[in-house]
């Protein structure tokens, strides 16, 4: 979807990480956006498959976000349509993944 606002649950979960999503809008992935990206992190296998299929020229820059985060699954669930607690959990997982990525690249 293009241009919807972040759900209230997403806005609340993001505030715990000092991120304001009030004015955030999603945008559709385009060739121009994909080409401009150095790295592209995706949350689940479905999106990874869709992106590598639609943008094969950038497949070598696409990774699952949880690549350096130990866990039982490489996927992060889409919290959209779920309770605030699900958003809180997923956002905490995203933060942990980002910290793991930073730690890995600092090495």
N, C-alpha and C. Protein backbone atom coordinates (compact mmCIF):
# COMPACT_ATOMS: atom_id res chain seq x y z
N UNK A 1 0.85 -1.19 0.00
CA UNK A 1 0.00 0.00 0.00
C UNK A 1 0.89 1.24 0.00
N UNK A 2 0.36 2.29 -0.53
CA UNK A 2 1.11 3.53 -0.63
C UNK A 2 0.42 4.63 0.16
N UNK A 3 1.15 5.20 1.10
CA UNK A 3 0.77 6.39 1.86
C UNK A 3 -0.16 6.21 3.06
N UNK A 4 -0.44 5.00 3.54
CA UNK A 4 -1.25 4.96 4.76
C UNK A 4 -0.44 5.39 5.98
N UNK A 5 -1.14 5.89 6.97
CA UNK A 5 -0.51 6.28 8.24
C UNK A 5 -0.13 5.03 9.03
N UNK A 6 0.79 5.21 9.94
CA UNK A 6 1.14 4.12 10.86
C UNK A 6 -0.03 3.91 11.82
N UNK A 7 -0.35 2.64 12.10
CA UNK A 7 -1.42 2.37 13.06
C UNK A 7 -1.07 2.92 14.44
N UNK A 8 -2.08 3.20 15.23
CA UNK A 8 -1.85 3.73 16.60
C UNK A 8 -0.94 2.81 17.41
N UNK A 9 -1.15 1.50 17.29
CA UNK A 9 -0.31 0.56 18.03
C UNK A 9 1.16 0.68 17.61
N UNK A 10 1.40 0.93 16.35
CA UNK A 10 2.78 1.11 15.87
C UNK A 10 3.36 2.39 16.43
N UNK A 11 2.56 3.44 16.44
CA UNK A 11 3.04 4.72 16.97
C UNK A 11 3.39 4.59 18.45
N UNK A 12 2.56 3.89 19.21
CA UNK A 12 2.82 3.71 20.65
C UNK A 12 4.08 2.88 20.88
N UNK A 13 4.23 1.80 20.13
CA UNK A 13 5.41 0.94 20.29
C UNK A 13 6.68 1.69 19.92
N UNK A 14 6.62 2.51 18.89
CA UNK A 14 7.80 3.26 18.44
C UNK A 14 8.22 4.31 19.47
N UNK A 15 7.25 4.89 20.17
CA UNK A 15 7.57 5.90 21.18
C UNK A 15 8.50 5.35 22.26
N UNK A 16 8.39 4.07 22.56
CA UNK A 16 9.26 3.45 23.57
C UNK A 16 10.72 3.48 23.14
N UNK A 17 10.95 3.68 21.84
CA UNK A 17 12.31 3.76 21.29
C UNK A 17 12.64 5.18 20.83
N UNK A 18 11.89 6.15 21.34
CA UNK A 18 12.06 7.57 21.00
C UNK A 18 11.93 7.83 19.50
N UNK A 19 11.00 7.12 18.87
CA UNK A 19 10.73 7.31 17.44
C UNK A 19 9.29 7.81 17.30
N UNK A 20 9.13 8.89 16.57
CA UNK A 20 7.81 9.48 16.36
C UNK A 20 7.32 9.10 14.97
N UNK A 21 6.28 8.28 14.90
CA UNK A 21 5.71 7.85 13.62
C UNK A 21 4.45 8.63 13.25
N UNK A 22 4.18 9.71 13.96
CA UNK A 22 2.96 10.47 13.72
C UNK A 22 2.81 10.87 12.26
N UNK A 23 3.87 11.37 11.66
CA UNK A 23 3.79 11.84 10.27
C UNK A 23 4.32 10.81 9.27
N UNK A 24 4.69 9.63 9.74
CA UNK A 24 5.24 8.60 8.86
C UNK A 24 4.17 8.07 7.91
N UNK A 25 4.55 7.85 6.67
CA UNK A 25 3.68 7.24 5.67
C UNK A 25 4.47 6.16 4.96
N UNK A 26 3.83 5.04 4.68
CA UNK A 26 4.52 4.01 3.91
C UNK A 26 4.55 4.43 2.45
N UNK A 27 5.52 3.90 1.74
CA UNK A 27 5.63 4.15 0.31
C UNK A 27 5.85 2.83 -0.41
N UNK A 28 5.38 2.76 -1.61
CA UNK A 28 5.54 1.56 -2.42
C UNK A 28 6.98 1.49 -2.90
N UNK A 29 7.55 0.30 -2.86
CA UNK A 29 8.91 0.11 -3.36
C UNK A 29 8.92 0.31 -4.88
N UNK A 30 9.84 1.13 -5.33
CA UNK A 30 9.99 1.39 -6.76
C UNK A 30 11.41 1.05 -7.17
N UNK A 31 11.63 0.93 -8.46
CA UNK A 31 12.99 0.69 -8.96
C UNK A 31 13.95 1.76 -8.45
N UNK A 32 13.51 3.00 -8.42
CA UNK A 32 14.37 4.10 -7.98
C UNK A 32 14.74 3.96 -6.50
N UNK A 33 13.79 3.64 -5.66
CA UNK A 33 14.08 3.45 -4.23
C UNK A 33 15.01 2.26 -4.00
N UNK A 34 14.76 1.17 -4.69
CA UNK A 34 15.58 -0.03 -4.54
C UNK A 34 17.01 0.24 -5.01
N UNK A 35 17.16 0.91 -6.12
CA UNK A 35 18.50 1.21 -6.65
C UNK A 35 19.27 2.16 -5.73
N UNK A 36 18.57 3.04 -5.05
CA UNK A 36 19.22 4.01 -4.16
C UNK A 36 19.67 3.38 -2.84
N UNK A 37 19.16 2.21 -2.51
CA UNK A 37 19.46 1.58 -1.22
C UNK A 37 20.77 0.80 -1.26
N UNK A 38 21.60 1.01 -0.23
CA UNK A 38 22.83 0.23 -0.10
C UNK A 38 22.52 -1.18 0.39
N UNK A 39 21.61 -1.27 1.35
CA UNK A 39 21.17 -2.55 1.90
C UNK A 39 19.65 -2.50 2.06
N UNK A 40 19.03 -3.66 1.92
CA UNK A 40 17.59 -3.76 2.06
C UNK A 40 17.30 -4.90 3.02
N UNK A 41 16.66 -4.59 4.14
CA UNK A 41 16.35 -5.60 5.14
C UNK A 41 14.85 -5.87 5.13
N UNK A 42 14.52 -7.14 5.11
CA UNK A 42 13.14 -7.59 5.05
C UNK A 42 12.84 -8.44 6.28
N UNK A 43 11.57 -8.50 6.64
CA UNK A 43 11.21 -9.15 7.90
C UNK A 43 10.80 -10.61 7.76
N UNK A 44 10.37 -11.04 6.57
CA UNK A 44 9.90 -12.42 6.46
C UNK A 44 10.20 -13.00 5.08
N UNK A 45 10.05 -14.32 4.98
CA UNK A 45 10.37 -15.02 3.74
C UNK A 45 9.50 -14.56 2.57
N UNK A 46 8.22 -14.30 2.84
CA UNK A 46 7.32 -13.86 1.77
C UNK A 46 7.80 -12.57 1.14
N UNK A 47 8.15 -11.59 1.99
CA UNK A 47 8.64 -10.33 1.45
C UNK A 47 10.00 -10.50 0.77
N UNK A 48 10.85 -11.33 1.35
CA UNK A 48 12.16 -11.60 0.73
C UNK A 48 11.96 -12.17 -0.67
N UNK A 49 11.08 -13.15 -0.80
CA UNK A 49 10.79 -13.75 -2.10
C UNK A 49 10.20 -12.71 -3.07
N UNK A 50 9.23 -11.95 -2.59
CA UNK A 50 8.60 -10.94 -3.46
C UNK A 50 9.61 -9.90 -3.94
N UNK A 51 10.46 -9.42 -3.03
CA UNK A 51 11.42 -8.39 -3.41
C UNK A 51 12.50 -8.94 -4.34
N UNK A 52 13.02 -10.13 -4.04
CA UNK A 52 14.07 -10.67 -4.92
C UNK A 52 13.50 -11.05 -6.28
N UNK A 53 12.22 -11.38 -6.33
CA UNK A 53 11.57 -11.68 -7.61
C UNK A 53 11.32 -10.42 -8.43
N UNK A 54 10.84 -9.36 -7.77
CA UNK A 54 10.51 -8.13 -8.47
C UNK A 54 11.72 -7.23 -8.72
N UNK A 55 12.75 -7.37 -7.91
CA UNK A 55 13.95 -6.54 -8.04
C UNK A 55 15.21 -7.41 -8.04
N UNK A 56 15.32 -8.34 -8.99
CA UNK A 56 16.46 -9.28 -8.97
C UNK A 56 17.82 -8.59 -9.08
N UNK A 57 17.85 -7.42 -9.67
CA UNK A 57 19.10 -6.68 -9.81
C UNK A 57 19.67 -6.26 -8.45
N UNK A 58 18.86 -6.28 -7.41
CA UNK A 58 19.30 -5.86 -6.08
C UNK A 58 19.32 -7.03 -5.09
N UNK A 59 19.14 -8.24 -5.55
CA UNK A 59 19.04 -9.40 -4.65
C UNK A 59 20.26 -9.54 -3.74
N UNK A 60 21.44 -9.19 -4.24
CA UNK A 60 22.65 -9.34 -3.41
C UNK A 60 22.71 -8.32 -2.28
N UNK A 61 21.81 -7.34 -2.28
CA UNK A 61 21.75 -6.34 -1.20
C UNK A 61 20.57 -6.55 -0.28
N UNK A 62 19.86 -7.67 -0.47
CA UNK A 62 18.66 -7.96 0.33
C UNK A 62 18.96 -9.05 1.34
N UNK A 63 18.53 -8.80 2.58
CA UNK A 63 18.76 -9.73 3.67
C UNK A 63 17.56 -9.74 4.60
N UNK A 64 17.37 -10.85 5.28
CA UNK A 64 16.39 -10.87 6.35
C UNK A 64 16.97 -10.10 7.53
N UNK A 65 16.18 -9.27 8.15
CA UNK A 65 16.64 -8.40 9.23
C UNK A 65 17.26 -9.19 10.37
N UNK A 66 16.79 -10.39 10.58
CA UNK A 66 17.25 -11.18 11.71
C UNK A 66 18.52 -11.99 11.39
N UNK A 67 19.24 -11.63 10.35
CA UNK A 67 20.38 -12.42 9.90
C UNK A 67 21.46 -12.61 10.97
N UNK A 68 21.70 -11.62 11.81
CA UNK A 68 22.71 -11.74 12.85
C UNK A 68 22.12 -11.90 14.25
N UNK A 69 20.81 -12.05 14.32
CA UNK A 69 20.13 -12.17 15.62
C UNK A 69 19.81 -13.64 15.87
N UNK A 70 20.38 -14.22 16.91
CA UNK A 70 20.07 -15.63 17.17
C UNK A 70 18.61 -15.80 17.57
N UNK A 71 18.05 -16.88 17.14
CA UNK A 71 16.66 -17.16 17.48
C UNK A 71 16.19 -18.40 16.76
N UNK A 72 14.99 -18.81 17.05
CA UNK A 72 14.48 -20.04 16.46
C UNK A 72 13.97 -19.84 15.05
N UNK A 73 13.75 -18.61 14.65
CA UNK A 73 13.25 -18.33 13.30
C UNK A 73 13.93 -17.10 12.75
N UNK A 74 14.06 -17.06 11.44
CA UNK A 74 14.65 -15.89 10.78
C UNK A 74 13.60 -14.82 10.49
N UNK A 75 12.34 -15.16 10.69
CA UNK A 75 11.28 -14.24 10.34
C UNK A 75 10.83 -13.40 11.54
N UNK A 76 10.43 -12.19 11.23
CA UNK A 76 9.77 -11.33 12.20
C UNK A 76 8.33 -11.17 11.72
N UNK A 77 7.36 -11.39 12.60
CA UNK A 77 5.97 -11.31 12.17
C UNK A 77 5.54 -9.87 11.89
N UNK A 78 4.60 -9.73 10.99
CA UNK A 78 3.99 -8.43 10.73
C UNK A 78 2.96 -8.19 11.83
N UNK A 79 3.15 -7.18 12.66
CA UNK A 79 2.22 -6.97 13.78
C UNK A 79 0.91 -6.29 13.38
N UNK A 80 0.82 -5.82 12.14
CA UNK A 80 -0.36 -5.06 11.73
C UNK A 80 -1.64 -5.85 11.99
N UNK A 81 -2.60 -5.21 12.63
CA UNK A 81 -3.87 -5.82 12.94
C UNK A 81 -3.89 -6.55 14.28
N UNK A 82 -2.77 -6.53 14.97
CA UNK A 82 -2.67 -7.21 16.26
C UNK A 82 -2.71 -6.21 17.42
N UNK A 83 -2.64 -6.74 18.62
CA UNK A 83 -2.71 -5.92 19.82
C UNK A 83 -1.43 -5.11 20.03
N UNK A 84 -1.51 -4.17 20.94
CA UNK A 84 -0.35 -3.36 21.28
C UNK A 84 0.81 -4.20 21.78
N UNK A 85 0.52 -5.26 22.52
CA UNK A 85 1.60 -6.10 23.05
C UNK A 85 2.36 -6.80 21.93
N UNK A 86 1.68 -7.15 20.85
CA UNK A 86 2.37 -7.76 19.71
C UNK A 86 3.29 -6.73 19.05
N UNK A 87 2.80 -5.51 18.88
CA UNK A 87 3.64 -4.44 18.34
C UNK A 87 4.86 -4.22 19.23
N UNK A 88 4.65 -4.18 20.53
CA UNK A 88 5.76 -3.97 21.47
C UNK A 88 6.81 -5.06 21.32
N UNK A 89 6.37 -6.30 21.22
CA UNK A 89 7.30 -7.42 21.08
C UNK A 89 8.06 -7.35 19.76
N UNK A 90 7.35 -7.09 18.68
CA UNK A 90 8.01 -7.03 17.37
C UNK A 90 8.98 -5.86 17.31
N UNK A 91 8.61 -4.71 17.85
CA UNK A 91 9.51 -3.56 17.84
C UNK A 91 10.75 -3.82 18.69
N UNK A 92 10.59 -4.51 19.80
CA UNK A 92 11.75 -4.88 20.62
C UNK A 92 12.65 -5.84 19.85
N UNK A 93 12.05 -6.78 19.11
CA UNK A 93 12.83 -7.70 18.28
C UNK A 93 13.57 -6.95 17.17
N UNK A 94 12.91 -5.98 16.56
CA UNK A 94 13.56 -5.18 15.51
C UNK A 94 14.75 -4.42 16.10
N UNK A 95 14.57 -3.83 17.26
CA UNK A 95 15.67 -3.10 17.91
C UNK A 95 16.84 -4.04 18.19
N UNK A 96 16.55 -5.25 18.68
CA UNK A 96 17.61 -6.22 18.95
C UNK A 96 18.34 -6.60 17.66
N UNK A 97 17.59 -6.76 16.59
CA UNK A 97 18.21 -7.09 15.30
C UNK A 97 19.12 -5.97 14.82
N UNK A 98 18.67 -4.74 14.96
CA UNK A 98 19.47 -3.60 14.54
C UNK A 98 20.75 -3.51 15.37
N UNK A 99 20.65 -3.73 16.66
CA UNK A 99 21.84 -3.73 17.51
C UNK A 99 22.81 -4.85 17.10
N UNK A 100 22.28 -6.01 16.77
CA UNK A 100 23.13 -7.12 16.32
C UNK A 100 23.83 -6.78 15.01
N UNK A 101 23.11 -6.13 14.11
CA UNK A 101 23.71 -5.71 12.84
C UNK A 101 24.83 -4.71 13.07
N UNK A 102 24.57 -3.75 13.91
CA UNK A 102 25.59 -2.74 14.21
C UNK A 102 26.81 -3.39 14.85
N UNK A 103 26.58 -4.29 15.80
CA UNK A 103 27.70 -5.00 16.44
C UNK A 103 28.51 -5.78 15.41
N UNK A 104 27.82 -6.46 14.51
CA UNK A 104 28.51 -7.26 13.50
C UNK A 104 29.34 -6.40 12.57
N UNK A 105 28.77 -5.29 12.13
CA UNK A 105 29.49 -4.42 11.18
C UNK A 105 30.59 -3.60 11.85
N UNK A 106 30.48 -3.39 13.14
CA UNK A 106 31.57 -2.70 13.86
C UNK A 106 32.81 -3.57 13.98
N UNK A 107 32.61 -4.90 13.93
CA UNK A 107 33.74 -5.83 14.00
C UNK A 107 34.55 -5.70 12.74
